[in-house]
Amino acid sequence: MKKFFLSVFFVISILSACNLSTVSMSEVENVPNNVWAIIDPNLELQLINDGEKGYIIFHSSEDVEFDFTTQENTVTINFNEK
């Protein structure tokens, strides 16, 4: 089963608090059970907020890299499949 089911997870702390001055993102190795339970495998891209953190789930059969930029109160995320 090619790297199908959850190739990339990212945590965006800015989604929980609008007044943060820094944005950070990281890949998550172990997804919390409460988040895992609501992931829809039929969606290519999902945003899930568990009340504490925000998760962006991107399903791909390829390896994925990402980068992001911020401008004022907007975060732009670019996913690149290899």
Protein backbone atom coordinates (compact mmCIF):
# COMPACT_ATOMS: atom_id res chain seq x y z
CA MET A 1 0.00 0.00 0.00
CA LYS A 2 2.11 2.94 -1.26
CA LYS A 3 2.68 5.70 1.21
CA PHE A 4 -1.06 6.18 0.91
CA PHE A 5 -2.68 6.91 4.15
CA LEU A 6 -1.06 9.81 5.91
CA SER A 7 2.09 10.91 4.28
CA VAL A 8 2.31 14.28 5.88
CA PHE A 9 1.02 15.86 9.04
CA PHE A 10 1.72 19.37 10.04
CA VAL A 11 1.03 21.28 13.17
CA ILE A 12 0.14 24.92 12.87
CA SER A 13 0.10 26.66 16.17
CA ILE A 14 -1.07 29.94 14.69
CA LEU A 15 -4.51 28.47 13.99
CA SER A 16 -5.25 28.39 17.69
CA ALA A 17 -4.17 31.92 18.52
CA CYS A 18 -4.44 34.90 16.20
CA ASN A 19 -2.07 37.10 18.19
CA LEU A 20 1.03 34.94 17.88
CA SER A 21 3.91 36.71 16.17
CA THR A 22 5.70 33.55 15.05
CA VAL A 23 4.45 30.67 12.97
CA SER A 24 5.80 27.19 13.40
CA MET A 25 5.07 23.96 11.56
CA SER A 26 6.42 20.47 12.01
CA GLU A 27 5.78 16.96 10.82
CA VAL A 28 4.05 14.75 13.37
CA GLU A 29 5.23 11.17 13.75
CA ASN A 30 2.43 9.96 16.05
CA VAL A 31 -1.06 11.33 15.59
CA PRO A 32 -3.20 11.62 18.73
CA ASN A 33 -6.07 9.11 18.85
CA ASN A 34 -8.74 11.82 18.98
CA VAL A 35 -7.40 13.29 15.72
CA TRP A 36 -6.84 9.91 14.07
CA ALA A 37 -10.49 9.02 14.71
CA ILE A 38 -11.83 11.93 12.63
CA ILE A 39 -9.45 11.78 9.63
CA ASP A 40 -11.39 11.13 6.43
CA PRO A 41 -9.26 8.93 4.12
CA ASN A 42 -11.38 10.02 1.13
CA LEU A 43 -10.21 13.64 1.37
CA GLU A 44 -6.87 14.65 -0.11
CA LEU A 45 -6.51 17.69 2.15
CA GLN A 46 -8.01 18.26 5.59
CA LEU A 47 -7.71 20.75 8.41
CA ILE A 48 -8.48 19.38 11.87
CA ASN A 49 -8.39 21.45 15.04
CA ASP A 50 -8.47 19.44 18.25
CA GLY A 51 -8.90 22.52 20.43
CA GLU A 52 -5.21 22.64 21.29
CA LYS A 53 -3.42 22.30 17.96
CA GLY A 54 -4.31 22.46 14.29
CA TYR A 55 -3.42 19.61 11.95
CA ILE A 56 -3.21 19.74 8.18
CA ILE A 57 -3.51 16.27 6.67
CA PHE A 58 -2.36 15.80 3.10
CA HIS A 59 -2.83 12.34 1.58
CA SER A 60 -0.41 11.41 -1.16
CA SER A 61 1.10 8.29 -2.70
CA GLU A 62 4.30 10.30 -3.30
CA ASP A 63 6.91 11.75 -0.97
CA VAL A 64 5.89 15.26 0.02
CA GLU A 65 7.88 18.32 1.01
CA PHE A 66 6.40 21.60 2.18
CA ASP A 67 7.35 25.18 2.73
CA PHE A 68 5.38 28.13 3.97
CA THR A 69 5.43 31.90 3.94
CA THR A 70 3.67 34.42 6.10
CA GLN A 71 2.44 37.86 5.19
CA GLU A 72 0.62 39.84 7.86
CA ASN A 73 -2.08 37.45 9.13
CA THR A 74 -1.97 35.02 6.18
CA VAL A 75 0.01 31.77 5.99
CA THR A 76 0.60 30.23 2.55
CA ILE A 77 1.58 26.56 2.53
CA ASN A 78 3.06 24.91 -0.58
CA PHE A 79 3.04 21.12 -0.84
CA ASN A 80 5.39 19.56 -3.39
CA GLU A 81 5.02 15.91 -4.38
CA LYS A 82 8.19 14.17 -5.55
